[in-house]
Amino acid sequence: MIRLPERRPRSETRSAIRRTPLRLNRQAQIERLASRSVDVLVVGGGVTGCYTALDAAARGLSVALVERDDFASGTSSKSSKMVHGGLRYIEQGNLPLVRRSLLERQRFRRNAPHLVRRLPFVLPILTHDGVFDARIAKAFEGLLWTYDLAGGWRIGRLHQRLSASEVLARAPRLRADRLRGGLLYYDSRADDARLTLTIARTAAHFGATVLNGAACRELVKEGGRVRGARVEVDGRTVEVRAGVVVNATGVWSDTLDAYSDAAHRPRVRPAKGVHIVVPWTRLPVDGTVTVPVPGRARRATCTRWGDVVVIGTTDTDYDGSLEEVLCTREEMRYLLDGANTAFDANLSPDDVVGSMAGLRPLVGSKEGATLDMSRDHRISTDANGLVTVTGGKLTTSRHMGELVIDEALRVLGRRARCRTARLPLLGGAGYDAEATTATGGLGAHLGERYGTETRFLADLIAEDPALAEPVVEGSEHLRAEVVYAARCELARNVDDVLSRRTRMRLFARDLSVKAAPEVGRLLQRELGLSDHEVARQVEDYVRGVDREKSVLMEGLS
């Protein structure tokens, strides 16, 4: 999409650029939380809660955001990582959601160009057992025209037909004996955990107090109205007074709703989605290739992320513990079978180098398949003034935050204009993804994670050249990234760094275990941790990875 020249610099862009790094000191954040009342208290540090906090702060409201575990530690680090309109929603007849999602996709691409990148999607046309065969390919191309016209055109590319040779150029191990050709269209992808973290940091830049490891244990009520919450953080209980409290806890939202109203009836239906990761050398694809899964209605996607390929996803009811959601052997087999049916790859469990499992907070009845349920969001205010947001998806999180704060302002009896539609996230203003990628090297690696704030990591390396070394041999992640995570990203422990700040646990699980001691050593220096605490963190991390692998490989020799 061609953008016309700006006649003058935009105020939103100027306001989102820092000359010095945003240092987030944990103790300072706790003291701010304890010492002042706020207009809006957001409970839940997933992508929706973080964008709600940013929207409120950008409008000039005083804001606090508390998260029980870590930012994006739930659903928002375990999504399919797609910022997309959703072809499936057109098939379901939900064109308004597609239009909104495609508009928000473009806003993400403009406001966070370092984190949200264009991605080609290939749909192979097979003679049989395909996503669709040649008989209905023409009709499906009509669906792609609808997608383009609904807003897909904003990405700068329209869909196109591919010959069998062109499909194989992008996915050389597709089984060519059944291949008739393909269709190509474009969407976007993002590292969901880093995107969520960046939104939270941008909220802090605009004055919000943001804090992980801060659990809401009770709502404070006065005169039958919710007026704040008691938060447990680092062994102390803090009472946070607020004009309005927002429940953005995702699959846990029914629990907080029950704190407000004991008669609350559960309305969230968790749906489980899993992904597995294999080396790119075992499944060489460029972009995303959508393939059929034998005997199932859902299509699987194989998406390249650097040196690995992420295969997903499932969509099934879930009634287990919300505290431990892991990919099982059966789910891994299901995805491997789908990949092996479409590709001549002979993938086995030994090829799986990482996995993740998350829960979608769908809203609706227990009847019907979760795959067919709407991904629309729902915002409600109970009789005690608690505002709750449920449902939705990563792509529409900014819009959801806007609507939540519109509702919060109604509760407060105030008015203020939303500013986030054109507000860059930290690192986004002035970032040119294509130019940075063209330069290659260290700048390209850091650029797609930190954007224009890469210069602050360069300053760290200039001060201490040892920080230019990788955290462990074979990793692309630098020691400087761990230091930056501790100083500027509220990383508290080894798991915060390896699971969400760097994503090594997902993309290089076994290598992350080798990196854990060095990450602990760097955090000890930055956070003043004791030898005992560092040893405990490393042990906890290794135990968590072992548990993940044992469930994944259970029963396999």
Protein backbone atom coordinates (compact mmCIF):
# COMPACT_ATOMS: atom_id res chain seq x y z
CA MET A 1 0.00 0.00 0.00
CA ILE A 2 1.42 3.41 -1.02
CA ARG A 3 1.37 6.06 1.69
CA LEU A 4 1.17 9.70 0.71
CA PRO A 5 3.84 12.06 2.04
CA GLU A 6 3.10 13.63 5.42
CA ARG A 7 2.92 17.44 5.26
CA ARG A 8 4.19 17.69 8.84
CA PRO A 9 5.53 15.20 11.41
CA ARG A 10 2.75 13.41 13.27
CA SER A 11 2.46 14.04 16.99
CA GLU A 12 1.78 10.34 17.62
CA THR A 13 5.11 9.42 16.02
CA ARG A 14 7.06 12.03 17.97
CA SER A 15 5.52 10.89 21.25
CA ALA A 16 6.58 7.25 20.71
CA ILE A 17 10.31 7.86 20.18
CA ARG A 18 12.76 7.72 23.09
CA ARG A 19 16.26 9.13 23.25
CA THR A 20 17.16 6.96 26.22
CA PRO A 21 16.10 3.40 27.02
CA LEU A 22 12.97 2.90 29.09
CA ARG A 23 14.33 1.42 32.32
CA LEU A 24 11.71 -0.49 34.26
CA ASN A 25 12.80 -1.05 37.84
CA ARG A 26 10.67 -3.63 39.60
CA GLN A 27 10.78 -2.07 43.06
CA ALA A 28 9.92 1.34 41.63
CA GLN A 29 6.90 -0.15 39.86
CA ILE A 30 5.74 -1.81 43.08
CA GLU A 31 6.03 1.45 45.02
CA ARG A 32 4.05 3.29 42.37
CA LEU A 33 1.39 0.61 42.54
CA ALA A 34 1.15 0.89 46.32
CA SER A 35 1.31 4.67 46.65
CA ARG A 36 -1.33 6.02 44.29
CA SER A 37 -4.86 5.43 43.15
CA VAL A 38 -5.55 5.16 39.43
CA ASP A 39 -8.39 5.80 37.03
CA VAL A 40 -8.12 2.33 35.49
CA LEU A 41 -6.74 -0.92 36.93
CA VAL A 42 -6.28 -3.63 34.31
CA VAL A 43 -5.97 -7.20 35.58
CA GLY A 44 -4.32 -9.51 33.04
CA GLY A 45 -1.12 -9.01 31.05
CA GLY A 46 -2.05 -10.75 27.81
CA VAL A 47 -2.23 -8.84 24.54
CA THR A 48 -5.76 -7.53 25.21
CA GLY A 49 -4.96 -6.34 28.72
CA CYS A 50 -1.74 -4.67 27.58
CA TYR A 51 -3.45 -2.83 24.72
CA THR A 52 -6.24 -1.79 27.11
CA ALA A 53 -3.63 -0.28 29.42
CA LEU A 54 -1.89 1.46 26.50
CA ASP A 55 -5.15 2.88 25.17
CA ALA A 56 -6.05 4.28 28.59
CA ALA A 57 -2.58 5.75 29.19
CA ALA A 58 -2.48 7.31 25.70
CA ARG A 59 -5.80 9.05 26.45
CA GLY A 60 -4.27 10.64 29.55
CA LEU A 61 -5.82 8.38 32.19
CA SER A 62 -3.80 7.10 35.13
CA VAL A 63 -3.37 3.35 34.71
CA ALA A 64 -2.01 0.29 36.45
CA LEU A 65 -1.62 -3.13 34.79
CA VAL A 66 -1.02 -6.22 36.92
CA GLU A 67 -0.25 -9.73 35.68
CA ARG A 68 -0.14 -12.79 37.94
CA ASP A 69 2.70 -14.53 36.08
CA ASP A 70 4.50 -12.85 33.18
CA PHE A 71 3.33 -10.73 30.27
CA ALA A 72 1.96 -13.06 27.57
CA SER A 73 2.63 -16.13 29.72
CA GLY A 74 -0.82 -17.53 28.88
CA THR A 75 -2.58 -17.57 25.52
CA SER A 76 -0.70 -14.57 24.15
CA SER A 77 2.62 -16.42 23.82
CA LYS A 78 1.06 -19.61 22.47
CA SER A 79 -1.01 -18.44 19.52
CA SER A 80 -0.45 -19.29 15.87
CA LYS A 81 1.41 -15.95 15.70
CA MET A 82 -0.65 -14.80 12.73
CA VAL A 83 -1.88 -11.23 12.35
CA HIS A 84 -4.53 -11.94 9.77
CA GLY A 85 -8.07 -11.40 8.58
CA GLY A 86 -8.97 -15.08 8.64
CA LEU A 87 -10.12 -16.79 5.47
CA ARG A 88 -12.04 -19.27 7.61
CA TYR A 89 -14.25 -16.48 8.95
CA ILE A 90 -15.42 -15.71 5.40
CA GLU A 91 -16.33 -19.38 5.04
CA GLN A 92 -18.32 -19.01 8.27
CA GLY A 93 -20.08 -15.93 6.89
CA ASN A 94 -18.51 -13.50 9.38
CA LEU A 95 -17.41 -10.84 6.89
CA PRO A 96 -17.56 -7.96 9.44
CA LEU A 97 -14.90 -9.70 11.56
CA VAL A 98 -12.74 -10.17 8.47
CA ARG A 99 -13.04 -6.49 7.50
CA ARG A 100 -12.17 -5.36 11.02
CA SER A 101 -9.28 -7.81 11.28
CA LEU A 102 -7.76 -6.73 7.96
CA LEU A 103 -7.97 -3.08 8.98
CA GLU A 104 -6.30 -3.87 12.30
CA ARG A 105 -3.69 -5.98 10.51
CA GLN A 106 -2.63 -2.94 8.54
CA ARG A 107 -2.52 -0.78 11.66
CA PHE A 108 -0.23 -3.32 13.29
CA ARG A 109 2.00 -3.31 10.23
CA ARG A 110 2.23 0.48 10.36
CA ASN A 111 2.56 0.85 14.15
CA ALA A 112 4.87 -2.13 14.77
CA PRO A 113 6.75 -2.78 11.49
CA HIS A 114 9.63 -4.40 13.39
CA LEU A 115 7.33 -7.04 14.89
CA VAL A 116 4.55 -7.58 12.33
CA ARG A 117 5.82 -8.70 8.94
CA ARG A 118 4.18 -9.66 5.66
CA LEU A 119 4.02 -13.42 5.06
CA PRO A 120 3.06 -15.37 1.91
CA PHE A 121 0.54 -18.19 2.27
CA VAL A 122 0.48 -21.02 -0.28
CA LEU A 123 -2.61 -23.21 -0.73
CA PRO A 124 -1.67 -26.25 -2.85
CA ILE A 125 -4.32 -27.60 -5.24
CA LEU A 126 -4.16 -31.39 -5.23
CA THR A 127 -5.87 -34.01 -7.33
CA HIS A 128 -7.22 -35.64 -4.16
CA ASP A 129 -6.97 -35.44 -0.36
CA GLY A 130 -6.13 -31.73 -0.53
CA VAL A 131 -7.28 -28.61 1.28
CA PHE A 132 -9.44 -28.36 -1.80
CA ASP A 133 -9.20 -30.11 -5.12
CA ALA A 134 -9.19 -28.64 -8.63
CA ARG A 135 -12.99 -28.85 -8.89
CA ILE A 136 -13.57 -26.24 -6.20
CA ALA A 137 -10.36 -24.24 -6.61
CA LYS A 138 -12.12 -21.74 -8.85
CA ALA A 139 -14.82 -21.17 -6.25
CA PHE A 140 -12.15 -20.78 -3.56
CA GLU A 141 -10.43 -18.17 -5.68
CA GLY A 142 -13.66 -16.20 -5.48
CA LEU A 143 -13.29 -16.32 -1.71
CA LEU A 144 -9.77 -14.88 -2.07
CA TRP A 145 -11.17 -12.04 -4.18
CA THR A 146 -13.59 -11.33 -1.36
CA TYR A 147 -10.66 -11.33 1.06
CA ASP A 148 -8.69 -8.90 -1.09
CA LEU A 149 -11.64 -6.55 -1.52
CA ALA A 150 -12.52 -6.71 2.20
CA GLY A 151 -9.16 -5.16 3.00
CA GLY A 152 -6.50 -7.67 2.02
CA TRP A 153 -5.34 -5.25 -0.68
CA ARG A 154 -3.89 -2.98 2.03
CA ILE A 155 -0.90 -5.29 2.36
CA GLY A 156 0.23 -4.27 -1.12
CA ARG A 157 -0.24 -7.64 -2.85
CA LEU A 158 -3.27 -9.41 -4.32
CA HIS A 159 -3.69 -13.17 -4.44
CA GLN A 160 -2.50 -15.05 -7.50
CA ARG A 161 -2.54 -18.47 -9.15
CA LEU A 162 0.62 -20.59 -9.05
CA SER A 163 1.76 -23.37 -11.33
CA ALA A 164 2.86 -26.66 -9.81
CA SER A 165 6.49 -25.65 -10.40
CA GLU A 166 6.00 -22.36 -8.56
CA VAL A 167 4.45 -24.17 -5.60
CA LEU A 168 7.37 -26.61 -5.49
CA ALA A 169 9.83 -23.72 -5.58
CA ARG A 170 8.34 -22.60 -2.25
CA ALA A 171 7.81 -26.10 -0.82
CA PRO A 172 10.12 -28.54 -2.66
CA ARG A 173 9.12 -31.61 -0.64
CA LEU A 174 5.41 -31.41 -1.36
CA ARG A 175 4.24 -34.67 -2.91
CA ALA A 176 4.32 -33.68 -6.58
CA ASP A 177 2.34 -36.68 -7.83
CA ARG A 178 -0.91 -35.11 -6.56
CA LEU A 179 -0.02 -31.46 -7.16
CA ARG A 180 -2.00 -29.49 -9.75
CA GLY A 181 -0.92 -25.97 -8.82
CA GLY A 182 -1.77 -23.56 -6.04
CA LEU A 183 -3.05 -20.23 -4.83
CA LEU A 184 -0.98 -17.57 -3.12
CA TYR A 185 -2.16 -14.76 -0.85
CA TYR A 186 -0.60 -12.61 1.85
CA ASP A 187 -1.14 -12.08 5.56
CA SER A 188 1.22 -11.23 8.43
CA ARG A 189 2.94 -12.90 11.34
CA ALA A 190 4.36 -11.68 14.65
CA ASP A 191 6.26 -12.98 17.64
CA ASP A 192 3.20 -12.77 19.89
CA ALA A 193 5.12 -12.66 23.19
CA ARG A 194 7.44 -9.85 22.11
CA LEU A 195 4.51 -7.97 20.59
CA THR A 196 2.59 -8.18 23.88
CA LEU A 197 5.65 -7.13 25.86
CA THR A 198 6.26 -4.17 23.56
CA ILE A 199 2.65 -3.02 24.00
CA ALA A 200 3.08 -3.20 27.79
CA ARG A 201 6.34 -1.24 27.61
CA THR A 202 4.70 1.38 25.38
CA ALA A 203 1.96 1.74 28.00
CA ALA A 204 4.69 2.31 30.61
CA HIS A 205 6.29 4.89 28.32
CA PHE A 206 2.99 6.81 28.41
CA GLY A 207 2.86 6.69 32.20
CA ALA A 208 1.19 3.39 33.10
CA THR A 209 2.44 1.30 36.00
CA VAL A 210 3.02 -2.21 34.62
CA LEU A 211 3.95 -5.15 36.78
CA ASN A 212 4.30 -8.89 36.29
CA GLY A 213 4.35 -11.38 39.17
CA ALA A 214 1.47 -9.43 40.72
CA ALA A 215 -1.62 -11.57 41.45
CA CYS A 216 -5.08 -10.12 42.07
CA ARG A 217 -6.36 -11.96 45.15
CA GLU A 218 -9.50 -9.97 45.94
CA LEU A 219 -11.58 -7.10 44.61
CA VAL A 220 -12.14 -4.07 46.83
CA LYS A 221 -15.77 -2.98 47.07
CA GLU A 222 -17.42 0.12 48.50
CA GLY A 223 -21.15 0.65 48.50
CA GLY A 224 -21.61 -2.40 46.32
CA ARG A 225 -19.21 -1.10 43.66
CA VAL A 226 -15.79 -2.45 42.67
CA ARG A 227 -13.25 0.22 43.65
CA GLY A 228 -9.95 -1.59 43.28
CA ALA A 229 -8.15 -4.81 44.13
CA ARG A 230 -5.77 -6.39 46.60
CA VAL A 231 -2.67 -7.52 44.79
CA GLU A 232 -0.04 -9.91 46.10
CA VAL A 233 3.41 -9.09 44.79
CA ASP A 234 6.83 -10.27 46.02
CA GLY A 235 5.50 -11.38 49.41
CA ARG A 236 3.50 -8.26 50.23
CA THR A 237 -0.15 -7.32 49.73
CA VAL A 238 -0.89 -4.02 48.05
CA GLU A 239 -4.32 -2.42 47.90
CA VAL A 240 -4.78 -0.67 44.57
CA ARG A 241 -7.61 1.86 44.46
CA ALA A 242 -9.16 2.49 41.05
CA GLY A 243 -12.09 4.29 39.49
CA VAL A 244 -12.78 1.22 37.35
CA VAL A 245 -11.32 -2.30 37.23
CA VAL A 246 -10.97 -4.17 33.93
CA ASN A 247 -10.95 -7.96 33.88
CA ALA A 248 -8.74 -9.01 30.94
CA THR A 249 -7.62 -12.38 32.27
CA GLY A 250 -8.66 -14.48 29.25
CA VAL A 251 -9.50 -18.08 30.13
CA TRP A 252 -9.37 -17.13 33.83
CA SER A 253 -11.95 -14.32 33.48
CA ASP A 254 -14.78 -16.30 35.07
CA THR A 255 -12.75 -16.51 38.30
CA LEU A 256 -12.36 -12.74 38.59
CA ASP A 257 -15.98 -12.17 37.59
CA ALA A 258 -16.99 -14.43 40.50
CA TYR A 259 -14.94 -12.21 42.88
CA SER A 260 -17.26 -9.37 41.87
CA ASP A 261 -20.53 -11.29 41.70
CA ALA A 262 -20.87 -14.62 43.51
CA ALA A 263 -23.87 -15.45 41.31
CA HIS A 264 -21.81 -15.15 38.11
CA ARG A 265 -22.30 -18.04 35.69
CA PRO A 266 -19.24 -19.22 33.69
CA ARG A 267 -19.27 -18.18 30.04
CA VAL A 268 -15.75 -18.93 28.78
CA ARG A 269 -15.23 -22.15 26.83
CA PRO A 270 -11.49 -22.92 26.59
CA ALA A 271 -10.34 -24.38 23.28
CA LYS A 272 -6.91 -25.98 23.10
CA GLY A 273 -4.48 -25.31 20.28
CA VAL A 274 -1.06 -26.92 19.94
CA HIS A 275 1.97 -26.41 17.71
CA ILE A 276 5.18 -28.35 17.21
CA VAL A 277 8.51 -27.17 15.83
CA VAL A 278 10.86 -29.05 13.49
CA PRO A 279 14.13 -28.03 11.81
CA TRP A 280 13.75 -26.20 8.50
CA THR A 281 16.23 -28.60 6.92
CA ARG A 282 13.73 -31.42 7.55
CA LEU A 283 10.79 -29.48 6.13
CA PRO A 284 12.07 -26.73 3.82
CA VAL A 285 9.26 -24.27 3.14
CA ASP A 286 9.21 -20.52 2.58
CA GLY A 287 6.44 -18.53 4.21
CA THR A 288 3.40 -20.62 5.16
CA VAL A 289 2.08 -23.68 3.36
CA THR A 290 -1.43 -24.85 4.24
CA VAL A 291 -1.95 -28.61 4.06
CA PRO A 292 -4.78 -31.05 4.79
CA VAL A 293 -4.91 -33.28 7.85
CA PRO A 294 -6.32 -36.71 7.03
CA GLY A 295 -9.82 -37.26 8.39
CA ARG A 296 -10.09 -33.78 9.91
CA ALA A 297 -11.92 -30.62 8.85
CA ARG A 298 -9.21 -28.29 10.06
CA ARG A 299 -6.26 -27.41 7.84
CA ALA A 300 -2.72 -27.39 9.21
CA THR A 301 -0.14 -24.70 8.52
CA CYS A 302 3.62 -25.10 8.20
CA THR A 303 5.33 -21.75 8.78
CA ARG A 304 9.02 -21.00 8.54
CA TRP A 305 10.60 -19.09 11.44
CA GLY A 306 14.29 -18.71 10.68
CA ASP A 307 15.91 -22.14 10.97
CA VAL A 308 12.75 -23.94 12.09
CA VAL A 309 9.21 -24.61 10.89
CA VAL A 310 6.17 -24.32 13.16
CA ILE A 311 3.38 -26.83 12.42
CA GLY A 312 -0.10 -26.21 13.81
CA THR A 313 -2.76 -26.14 14.97
CA THR A 314 -5.47 -28.10 16.70
CA ASP A 315 -8.81 -26.73 17.92
CA THR A 316 -10.44 -28.92 20.56
CA ASP A 317 -12.44 -28.59 23.76
CA TYR A 318 -10.38 -28.51 26.94
CA ASP A 319 -11.48 -29.32 30.48
CA GLY A 320 -8.13 -29.88 32.21
CA SER A 321 -6.11 -27.64 34.50
CA LEU A 322 -5.68 -24.08 33.31
CA GLU A 323 -2.31 -23.93 35.07
CA GLU A 324 -0.55 -26.62 33.01
CA VAL A 325 -1.41 -26.90 29.33
CA LEU A 326 0.99 -29.07 27.34
CA CYS A 327 1.17 -30.67 23.92
CA THR A 328 0.53 -34.41 24.20
CA ARG A 329 1.91 -37.32 22.22
CA GLU A 330 -1.43 -37.80 20.42
CA GLU A 331 -1.53 -34.14 19.38
CA MET A 332 2.05 -34.28 18.16
CA ARG A 333 1.28 -37.41 16.13
CA TYR A 334 -1.76 -35.72 14.63
CA LEU A 335 0.34 -32.80 13.33
CA LEU A 336 3.19 -35.03 12.16
CA ASP A 337 0.73 -37.22 10.26
CA GLY A 338 -0.68 -34.15 8.52
CA ALA A 339 2.78 -32.94 7.50
CA ASN A 340 3.92 -36.39 6.36
CA THR A 341 0.78 -36.87 4.27
CA ALA A 342 1.43 -33.65 2.35
CA PHE A 343 5.24 -33.70 2.29
CA ASP A 344 7.82 -36.32 1.47
CA ALA A 345 9.56 -35.59 4.75
CA ASN A 346 9.19 -38.71 6.94
CA LEU A 347 9.10 -36.58 10.08
CA SER A 348 9.25 -38.44 13.39
CA PRO A 349 8.98 -37.43 17.07
CA ASP A 350 12.79 -37.25 17.17
CA ASP A 351 12.60 -34.29 14.77
CA VAL A 352 10.47 -32.20 17.16
CA VAL A 353 12.70 -29.53 18.75
CA GLY A 354 9.95 -27.58 20.50
CA SER A 355 6.23 -27.47 21.23
CA MET A 356 3.61 -25.22 22.73
CA ALA A 357 0.00 -25.52 23.84
CA GLY A 358 -2.40 -22.71 24.65
CA LEU A 359 -6.06 -22.05 25.34
CA ARG A 360 -8.32 -19.76 23.33
CA PRO A 361 -10.88 -17.99 25.57
CA LEU A 362 -13.94 -18.57 23.39
CA VAL A 363 -17.29 -17.24 24.54
CA GLY A 364 -20.40 -19.34 24.06
CA SER A 365 -22.23 -22.54 24.87
CA LYS A 366 -20.71 -25.99 25.19
CA GLU A 367 -22.58 -27.20 22.12
CA GLY A 368 -20.96 -27.65 18.71
CA ALA A 369 -17.31 -27.77 17.69
CA THR A 370 -14.91 -25.10 18.96
CA LEU A 371 -13.64 -24.75 15.37
CA ASP A 372 -17.03 -23.35 14.36
CA MET A 373 -17.34 -20.89 17.24
CA SER A 374 -17.05 -17.17 16.63
CA ARG A 375 -13.78 -15.34 17.37
CA ASP A 376 -15.72 -12.15 18.11
CA HIS A 377 -15.07 -10.49 21.46
CA ARG A 378 -17.52 -9.58 24.20
CA ILE A 379 -17.33 -6.60 26.58
CA SER A 380 -19.67 -6.37 29.55
CA THR A 381 -20.06 -4.43 32.79
CA ASP A 382 -21.65 -6.18 35.76
CA ALA A 383 -23.91 -4.61 38.38
CA ASN A 384 -20.87 -3.81 40.54
CA GLY A 385 -19.05 -1.89 37.82
CA LEU A 386 -16.45 -4.54 36.86
CA VAL A 387 -15.68 -4.32 33.13
CA THR A 388 -14.85 -7.69 31.55
CA VAL A 389 -13.49 -8.40 28.07
CA THR A 390 -13.47 -11.94 26.71
CA GLY A 391 -12.97 -13.67 23.36
CA GLY A 392 -11.43 -11.95 20.38
CA LYS A 393 -8.04 -12.64 18.83
CA LEU A 394 -4.53 -11.25 18.59
CA THR A 395 -5.21 -9.28 15.41
CA THR A 396 -8.09 -7.27 16.91
CA SER A 397 -6.46 -6.63 20.32
CA ARG A 398 -5.93 -2.91 19.66
CA HIS A 399 -9.58 -2.44 18.70
CA MET A 400 -10.69 -4.44 21.74
CA GLY A 401 -8.60 -2.22 24.01
CA GLU A 402 -10.20 0.85 22.47
CA LEU A 403 -13.72 -0.46 23.07
CA VAL A 404 -12.88 -1.53 26.64
CA ILE A 405 -11.67 1.96 27.53
CA ASP A 406 -14.71 3.49 25.84
CA GLU A 407 -16.78 1.39 28.27
CA ALA A 408 -14.52 2.25 31.23
CA LEU A 409 -14.94 5.96 30.49
CA ARG A 410 -18.69 5.48 30.46
CA VAL A 411 -18.45 3.95 33.93
CA LEU A 412 -16.24 6.85 35.05
CA GLY A 413 -18.51 9.44 33.45
CA ARG A 414 -15.65 10.90 31.41
CA ARG A 415 -14.72 11.36 27.78
CA ALA A 416 -11.38 11.14 25.96
CA ARG A 417 -10.43 10.40 22.36
CA CYS A 418 -8.68 7.16 21.40
CA ARG A 419 -5.13 7.68 20.07
CA THR A 420 -3.85 4.16 19.42
CA ALA A 421 -5.02 3.69 15.81
CA ARG A 422 -1.99 5.64 14.54
CA LEU A 423 0.26 5.33 17.60
CA PRO A 424 3.58 3.52 16.96
CA LEU A 425 4.77 1.00 19.52
CA LEU A 426 8.23 1.50 20.99
CA GLY A 427 10.81 0.69 18.33
CA GLY A 428 8.33 1.10 15.49
CA ALA A 429 8.57 4.78 14.62
CA GLY A 430 11.07 5.27 11.81
CA TYR A 431 11.80 1.56 11.37
CA ASP A 432 12.17 0.28 7.80
CA ALA A 433 11.99 -3.52 7.85
CA GLU A 434 13.12 -3.99 4.26
CA ALA A 435 16.12 -1.70 4.60
CA THR A 436 17.20 -3.32 7.87
CA THR A 437 16.89 -6.83 6.44
CA ALA A 438 18.90 -5.77 3.40
CA THR A 439 21.81 -4.68 5.61
CA GLY A 440 21.86 -8.12 7.25
CA GLY A 441 24.12 -9.08 10.14
CA LEU A 442 23.56 -8.25 13.78
CA GLY A 443 21.41 -5.23 12.95
CA ALA A 444 18.91 -7.40 11.09
CA HIS A 445 18.73 -9.96 13.91
CA LEU A 446 18.12 -7.32 16.57
CA GLY A 447 16.03 -5.08 14.33
CA GLU A 448 13.15 -7.52 13.96
CA ARG A 449 12.98 -7.79 17.74
CA TYR A 450 13.67 -4.26 18.98
CA GLY A 451 13.20 -2.03 15.94
CA THR A 452 14.82 1.38 16.27
CA GLU A 453 15.57 0.63 19.93
CA THR A 454 18.32 -1.68 18.69
CA ARG A 455 20.64 1.27 19.25
CA PHE A 456 20.22 0.81 23.02
CA LEU A 457 21.54 -2.75 22.79
CA ALA A 458 24.41 -1.47 20.65
CA ASP A 459 25.21 0.93 23.52
CA LEU A 460 25.31 -2.00 25.96
CA ILE A 461 27.74 -3.85 23.72
CA ALA A 462 29.91 -0.75 23.32
CA GLU A 463 30.14 -0.49 27.11
CA ASP A 464 30.89 -4.20 27.55
CA PRO A 465 32.05 -6.02 24.39
CA ALA A 466 31.55 -9.39 26.13
CA LEU A 467 27.81 -8.83 25.77
CA ALA A 468 28.18 -9.34 22.00
CA GLU A 469 28.80 -13.05 22.66
CA PRO A 470 25.90 -15.52 22.30
CA VAL A 471 24.31 -16.76 25.53
CA VAL A 472 25.38 -20.25 24.47
CA GLU A 473 27.29 -21.61 21.50
CA GLY A 474 24.94 -22.20 18.59
CA SER A 475 22.40 -19.54 19.60
CA GLU A 476 21.71 -16.31 17.73
CA HIS A 477 20.68 -14.57 20.95
CA LEU A 478 23.26 -12.37 22.65
CA ARG A 479 24.15 -11.80 26.28
CA ALA A 480 23.15 -8.18 25.70
CA GLU A 481 19.57 -9.30 25.14
CA VAL A 482 19.49 -10.87 28.62
CA VAL A 483 20.85 -7.69 30.20
CA TYR A 484 18.32 -5.59 28.32
CA ALA A 485 15.52 -7.95 29.40
CA ALA A 486 16.48 -7.46 33.04
CA ARG A 487 16.90 -3.69 32.86
CA CYS A 488 14.13 -2.71 30.46
CA GLU A 489 11.67 -5.60 30.07
CA LEU A 490 10.91 -6.62 33.69
CA ALA A 491 12.38 -10.11 33.24
CA ARG A 492 12.48 -11.69 36.72
CA ASN A 493 13.91 -15.13 36.11
CA VAL A 494 15.44 -17.60 33.69
CA ASP A 495 12.06 -18.74 32.36
CA ASP A 496 10.97 -15.17 31.55
CA VAL A 497 14.07 -14.75 29.37
CA LEU A 498 14.17 -18.12 27.63
CA SER A 499 10.42 -18.67 27.18
CA ARG A 500 9.21 -15.19 26.20
CA ARG A 501 12.00 -12.60 25.83
CA THR A 502 14.04 -14.75 23.41
CA ARG A 503 11.63 -17.65 22.57
CA MET A 504 14.49 -20.17 22.79
CA ARG A 505 12.28 -22.61 24.69
CA LEU A 506 9.96 -22.84 21.70
CA PHE A 507 12.40 -22.68 18.81
CA ALA A 508 15.45 -24.44 20.34
CA ARG A 509 14.26 -26.26 23.45
CA ASP A 510 17.36 -28.36 24.20
CA LEU A 511 19.74 -25.51 23.45
CA SER A 512 17.78 -23.32 25.86
CA VAL A 513 18.55 -25.77 28.67
CA LYS A 514 22.26 -25.34 27.93
CA ALA A 515 21.79 -21.57 27.97
CA ALA A 516 19.99 -21.50 31.34
CA PRO A 517 23.11 -21.27 33.60
CA GLU A 518 24.55 -18.33 31.64
CA VAL A 519 21.17 -16.57 31.64
CA GLY A 520 21.04 -17.09 35.40
CA ARG A 521 24.53 -15.65 35.82
CA LEU A 522 23.65 -12.51 33.85
CA LEU A 523 20.39 -12.04 35.76
CA GLN A 524 22.25 -12.46 39.05
CA ARG A 525 24.55 -9.59 38.14
CA GLU A 526 21.68 -7.35 37.02
CA LEU A 527 19.08 -8.16 39.68
CA GLY A 528 21.29 -8.92 42.67
CA LEU A 529 20.10 -12.51 43.01
CA SER A 530 21.72 -14.91 45.46
CA ASP A 531 23.58 -18.03 44.36
CA HIS A 532 20.78 -20.11 45.86
CA GLU A 533 18.09 -18.21 43.92
CA VAL A 534 19.95 -18.57 40.63
CA ALA A 535 20.41 -22.29 41.18
CA ARG A 536 16.70 -22.64 41.99
CA GLN A 537 15.66 -20.76 38.85
CA VAL A 538 17.88 -22.88 36.62
CA GLU A 539 16.64 -26.08 38.27
CA ASP A 540 12.99 -24.99 37.90
CA TYR A 541 13.53 -24.19 34.24
CA VAL A 542 15.19 -27.52 33.47
CA ARG A 543 12.47 -29.36 35.38
CA GLY A 544 9.78 -27.52 33.39
CA VAL A 545 11.38 -28.44 30.06
CA ASP A 546 11.76 -32.06 31.18
CA ARG A 547 8.06 -32.14 32.12
CA GLU A 548 7.11 -30.69 28.71
CA LYS A 549 9.19 -33.33 26.91
CA SER A 550 7.92 -36.20 29.05
CA VAL A 551 4.28 -35.41 28.25
CA LEU A 552 5.13 -34.97 24.57
CA MET A 553 7.08 -38.22 24.30
CA GLU A 554 5.08 -40.32 26.78
CA GLY A 555 5.09 -43.96 25.74
CA LEU A 556 7.72 -43.47 23.03
CA SER A 557 10.99 -45.32 23.25
